[in-house]
Amino acid sequence: MALNPNKNLKLYYSIKEVAQMFDINESTLRYWETEFPHLRPKTQAGTKVRQYTQQDIEAIKIIYNLVKVRGFKLAAARKMINQNRHAVDRSADILSSLIGVKEELRALKKQLDGLTY
């Protein structure tokens, strides 16, 4: 059986890894867990070590988009997620795609600027 190169082999991420992914503090993640009921990472019994799944990271991506990128207050972000989760998911996907295109265009511009005539 062939190995699927697109498959993410890591099942759980630490709070430190997730915080680094989004360039935010670990305390921000802990606070978001209290504000957004659907964000509940798995914790190991006795140690309270948080283990974030890919599903948790997707939820954080949506929260990050609403709060940090679009400037929503936490209450407004929570309300928006509760009222229309599908539209929020789609908006986050579109924004992610646009950011990727923007980075590609910047790289192309840098290459073009480096060409000599």
Protein backbone atom coordinates (compact mmCIF):
# COMPACT_ATOMS: atom_id res chain seq x y z
CA MET A 1 0.00 0.00 0.00
CA ALA A 2 1.39 3.42 -0.97
CA LEU A 3 2.00 6.17 1.56
CA ASN A 4 -0.29 9.17 1.20
CA PRO A 5 2.04 12.23 1.19
CA ASN A 6 -0.89 14.62 1.75
CA LYS A 7 -1.97 12.96 4.97
CA ASN A 8 -1.01 14.76 8.17
CA LEU A 9 0.55 12.11 10.39
CA LYS A 10 0.47 14.11 13.61
CA LEU A 11 -2.73 13.61 15.61
CA TYR A 12 -2.17 16.01 18.50
CA TYR A 13 -0.41 19.35 18.88
CA SER A 14 0.75 21.00 22.10
CA ILE A 15 -0.47 24.42 23.15
CA LYS A 16 3.00 25.80 22.37
CA GLU A 17 2.90 24.45 18.81
CA VAL A 18 -0.57 25.85 18.19
CA ALA A 19 0.36 29.24 19.63
CA GLN A 20 3.36 29.37 17.30
CA MET A 21 1.19 28.47 14.30
CA PHE A 22 -0.92 31.57 14.86
CA ASP A 23 1.78 33.79 16.41
CA ILE A 24 -0.25 34.33 19.58
CA ASN A 25 0.39 33.71 23.28
CA GLU A 26 -0.53 30.44 24.96
CA SER A 27 -2.59 32.47 27.44
CA THR A 28 -4.67 33.76 24.52
CA LEU A 29 -5.53 30.19 23.56
CA ARG A 30 -6.47 29.35 27.14
CA TYR A 31 -8.70 32.42 27.29
CA TRP A 32 -10.37 31.56 23.98
CA GLU A 33 -11.18 28.14 25.42
CA THR A 34 -13.22 29.86 28.14
CA GLU A 35 -14.97 32.16 25.64
CA PHE A 36 -15.78 29.65 22.88
CA PRO A 37 -17.53 26.51 24.16
CA HIS A 38 -16.84 24.51 20.98
CA LEU A 39 -13.08 24.89 21.52
CA ARG A 40 -12.24 22.11 23.96
CA PRO A 41 -8.88 20.42 23.41
CA LYS A 42 -8.32 17.01 24.88
CA THR A 43 -6.49 17.02 28.22
CA GLN A 44 -4.57 14.19 29.77
CA ALA A 45 -5.95 13.04 33.10
CA GLY A 46 -4.05 14.42 36.07
CA THR A 47 -1.60 16.57 34.09
CA LYS A 48 -4.02 18.94 32.32
CA VAL A 49 -1.72 18.93 29.28
CA ARG A 50 -3.73 20.23 26.33
CA GLN A 51 -3.71 18.19 23.13
CA TYR A 52 -5.13 20.00 20.11
CA THR A 53 -6.49 18.01 17.17
CA GLN A 54 -6.71 19.20 13.59
CA GLN A 55 -10.39 19.96 14.25
CA ASP A 56 -9.39 22.21 17.18
CA ILE A 57 -6.88 23.99 14.96
CA GLU A 58 -9.59 24.61 12.35
CA ALA A 59 -11.79 26.15 15.08
CA ILE A 60 -8.88 28.33 16.22
CA LYS A 61 -8.29 29.40 12.61
CA ILE A 62 -11.88 30.64 12.44
CA ILE A 63 -11.64 32.44 15.78
CA TYR A 64 -8.30 33.97 14.79
CA ASN A 65 -9.76 35.19 11.50
CA LEU A 66 -12.70 36.86 13.20
CA VAL A 67 -10.85 38.35 16.18
CA LYS A 68 -7.32 39.14 14.99
CA VAL A 69 -7.76 39.66 11.25
CA ARG A 70 -11.25 41.15 11.00
CA GLY A 71 -11.22 42.90 14.39
CA PHE A 72 -14.37 41.44 15.94
CA LYS A 73 -14.86 41.59 19.69
CA LEU A 74 -15.02 38.15 21.33
CA ALA A 75 -18.76 38.38 21.99
CA ALA A 76 -19.43 39.35 18.36
CA ALA A 77 -17.20 36.53 17.08
CA ARG A 78 -18.97 34.00 19.32
CA LYS A 79 -22.36 35.25 18.13
CA MET A 80 -21.32 35.08 14.49
CA ILE A 81 -20.02 31.52 14.88
CA ASN A 82 -23.20 30.42 16.66
CA GLN A 83 -25.53 32.03 14.12
CA ASN A 84 -23.92 31.05 10.85
CA ARG A 85 -21.04 28.62 11.19
CA HIS A 86 -21.04 27.64 7.51
CA ALA A 87 -20.61 31.22 6.28
CA VAL A 88 -17.82 31.83 8.79
CA ASP A 89 -16.03 28.65 7.68
CA ARG A 90 -16.32 29.66 4.04
CA SER A 91 -15.10 33.17 4.79
CA ALA A 92 -12.05 31.79 6.61
CA ASP A 93 -11.26 29.49 3.67
CA ILE A 94 -11.52 32.35 1.20
CA LEU A 95 -9.30 34.58 3.33
CA SER A 96 -6.72 31.82 3.63
CA SER A 97 -6.68 31.39 -0.15
CA LEU A 98 -6.32 35.12 -0.70
CA ILE A 99 -3.41 35.32 1.73
CA GLY A 100 -1.71 32.50 -0.16
CA VAL A 101 -2.20 34.29 -3.48
CA LYS A 102 -0.87 37.52 -1.97
CA GLU A 103 2.31 35.75 -0.81
CA GLU A 104 2.80 34.20 -4.25
CA LEU A 105 2.41 37.59 -5.91
CA ARG A 106 4.96 39.11 -3.52
CA ALA A 107 7.43 36.35 -4.36
CA LEU A 108 6.89 36.92 -8.10
CA LYS A 109 7.36 40.67 -7.67
CA LYS A 110 10.59 40.06 -5.79
CA GLN A 111 11.84 37.85 -8.60
CA LEU A 112 10.86 40.44 -11.23
CA ASP A 113 12.55 43.21 -9.26
CA GLY A 114 15.74 41.13 -9.23
CA LEU A 115 15.89 40.87 -13.02
CA THR A 116 18.33 43.17 -14.72
CA TYR A 117 17.69 44.74 -18.09
